Amino acid sequence: MAEPLDSAESHWIDEHAGPVVRPYAVTGGRARPVTGKFDLISLVRALRCVDAGEIGLGPEHREIVALCRRATSVAELAAHLDLPLGTVRVLLGDLLERQLVRVAEPRPAPVLTDDSIFEQVINGLRAL
């Protein structure tokens, strides 16, 4: 016997958020951003507001731009949007390609090739 329509629909509807949309639908099935590499701690800042006539941008894109009026990390965006990190990266790639956001990647840790610093630390510890 088939399930009543009401119980089948209730599986896909969240009481507070409305209809549930899978992340691949939000990204158009894409799993990787078209441009950019977004670290968890990369800071994203909006460069301009999204025009009402911008074609191809969804509500999630617009929400990212609104959240990024001040510098916001990629991890914070994923948390605010309640979307998986991969989905947020794809959306950020779209916005970066359209020059709606600027992304500041974290600086790599400096590589210490000079052993004299280690020797100074050891000597300082020995002096204690």
Protein backbone atom coordinates (compact mmCIF):
# COMPACT_ATOMS: atom_id res chain seq x y z
CA MET A 1 0.00 0.00 0.00
CA ALA A 2 1.39 3.42 -0.94
CA GLU A 3 2.09 6.03 1.71
CA PRO A 4 -0.33 8.92 1.94
CA LEU A 5 0.96 12.01 0.17
CA ASP A 6 1.07 14.01 3.40
CA SER A 7 3.53 11.66 5.13
CA ALA A 8 5.80 11.48 2.03
CA GLU A 9 5.92 15.27 1.79
CA SER A 10 6.52 15.73 5.50
CA HIS A 11 9.81 13.83 5.09
CA TRP A 12 11.12 16.62 2.82
CA ILE A 13 9.78 19.63 4.74
CA ASP A 14 11.42 21.20 7.76
CA GLU A 15 8.94 22.87 10.08
CA HIS A 16 11.07 25.99 10.55
CA ALA A 17 13.07 26.24 7.32
CA GLY A 18 10.55 25.19 4.73
CA PRO A 19 11.41 22.76 1.93
CA VAL A 20 14.79 21.07 2.25
CA VAL A 21 17.11 21.42 -0.75
CA ARG A 22 20.14 19.17 -1.11
CA PRO A 23 23.49 20.99 -1.37
CA TYR A 24 24.12 19.75 -4.91
CA ALA A 25 20.97 21.55 -6.01
CA VAL A 26 22.32 24.79 -4.52
CA THR A 27 25.58 24.42 -6.49
CA GLY A 28 24.02 23.12 -9.67
CA GLY A 29 25.67 19.74 -9.13
CA ARG A 30 29.19 21.16 -8.93
CA ALA A 31 31.58 19.83 -6.31
CA ARG A 32 34.51 22.22 -6.89
CA PRO A 33 34.68 26.00 -7.20
CA VAL A 34 35.26 27.45 -10.67
CA THR A 35 38.07 29.56 -9.25
CA GLY A 36 39.87 30.03 -5.96
CA LYS A 37 41.05 27.81 -3.17
CA PHE A 38 39.32 28.56 0.10
CA ASP A 39 40.99 27.59 3.36
CA LEU A 40 38.82 27.36 6.48
CA ILE A 41 40.40 30.52 7.88
CA SER A 42 40.47 32.49 4.61
CA LEU A 43 38.81 35.84 5.13
CA VAL A 44 36.13 36.89 2.67
CA ARG A 45 35.01 40.49 2.19
CA ALA A 46 32.29 41.78 -0.15
CA LEU A 47 33.50 44.28 -2.74
CA ARG A 48 30.07 45.50 -3.76
CA CYS A 49 26.41 44.74 -3.29
CA VAL A 50 24.62 42.29 -5.54
CA ASP A 51 22.41 44.00 -8.10
CA ALA A 52 18.83 42.82 -8.38
CA GLY A 53 19.48 42.09 -12.06
CA GLU A 54 22.42 39.72 -11.44
CA ILE A 55 21.54 36.56 -13.33
CA GLY A 56 22.66 33.18 -12.07
CA LEU A 57 22.99 34.07 -8.39
CA GLY A 58 20.82 32.33 -5.85
CA PRO A 59 19.70 33.46 -2.42
CA GLU A 60 22.72 31.74 -0.87
CA HIS A 61 25.07 33.87 -3.00
CA ARG A 62 23.26 37.01 -1.90
CA GLU A 63 23.39 35.96 1.74
CA ILE A 64 27.15 35.39 1.52
CA VAL A 65 27.65 38.90 0.12
CA ALA A 66 25.48 40.34 2.90
CA LEU A 67 27.42 38.43 5.59
CA CYS A 68 30.74 39.57 4.13
CA ARG A 69 30.23 43.30 4.60
CA ARG A 70 32.88 42.74 7.25
CA ALA A 71 35.64 40.19 6.80
CA THR A 72 34.27 36.73 7.58
CA SER A 73 36.06 33.39 7.53
CA VAL A 74 34.94 30.57 5.26
CA ALA A 75 34.20 28.44 8.33
CA GLU A 76 31.94 31.17 9.77
CA LEU A 77 30.06 31.44 6.48
CA ALA A 78 29.39 27.70 6.42
CA ALA A 79 28.11 27.89 10.00
CA HIS A 80 25.88 30.93 9.36
CA LEU A 81 24.44 29.44 6.19
CA ASP A 82 24.09 25.94 7.70
CA LEU A 83 25.63 24.50 4.52
CA PRO A 84 28.48 22.03 4.05
CA LEU A 85 31.91 23.58 3.60
CA GLY A 86 32.27 22.22 0.05
CA THR A 87 29.02 23.89 -0.96
CA VAL A 88 30.14 27.23 0.47
CA ARG A 89 33.45 26.96 -1.41
CA VAL A 90 31.59 26.43 -4.71
CA LEU A 91 29.39 29.47 -4.03
CA LEU A 92 32.43 31.56 -3.10
CA GLY A 93 34.09 30.56 -6.36
CA ASP A 94 31.09 31.93 -8.25
CA LEU A 95 31.25 35.21 -6.33
CA LEU A 96 35.02 35.50 -6.77
CA GLU A 97 34.70 34.95 -10.51
CA ARG A 98 32.14 37.79 -10.69
CA GLN A 99 34.43 40.01 -8.58
CA LEU A 100 31.79 40.39 -5.86
CA VAL A 101 34.15 39.28 -3.08
CA ARG A 102 37.84 39.41 -2.23
CA VAL A 103 39.50 36.51 -0.43
CA ALA A 104 42.54 36.90 1.81
CA GLU A 105 44.26 33.53 2.08
CA PRO A 106 46.17 32.80 5.29
CA ARG A 107 49.90 33.40 5.10
CA PRO A 108 52.00 30.27 5.14
CA ALA A 109 54.08 29.72 8.26
CA PRO A 110 57.66 30.88 7.80
CA VAL A 111 60.18 28.14 7.26
CA LEU A 112 63.12 28.35 9.62
CA THR A 113 66.24 27.12 7.89
CA ASP A 114 68.69 28.81 10.21
CA ASP A 115 69.71 26.56 13.13
CA SER A 116 71.22 29.49 15.04
CA ILE A 117 67.80 30.32 16.52
CA PHE A 118 67.51 26.82 17.96
CA GLU A 119 71.03 27.04 19.36
CA GLN A 120 70.19 30.36 21.03
CA VAL A 121 67.07 28.87 22.60
CA ILE A 122 69.01 25.84 23.90
CA ASN A 123 71.74 28.09 25.29
CA GLY A 124 69.13 30.29 26.94
CA LEU A 125 67.45 27.29 28.55
CA ARG A 126 70.79 26.00 29.80
CA ALA A 127 71.50 29.40 31.36
CA LEU A 128 68.35 29.08 33.47
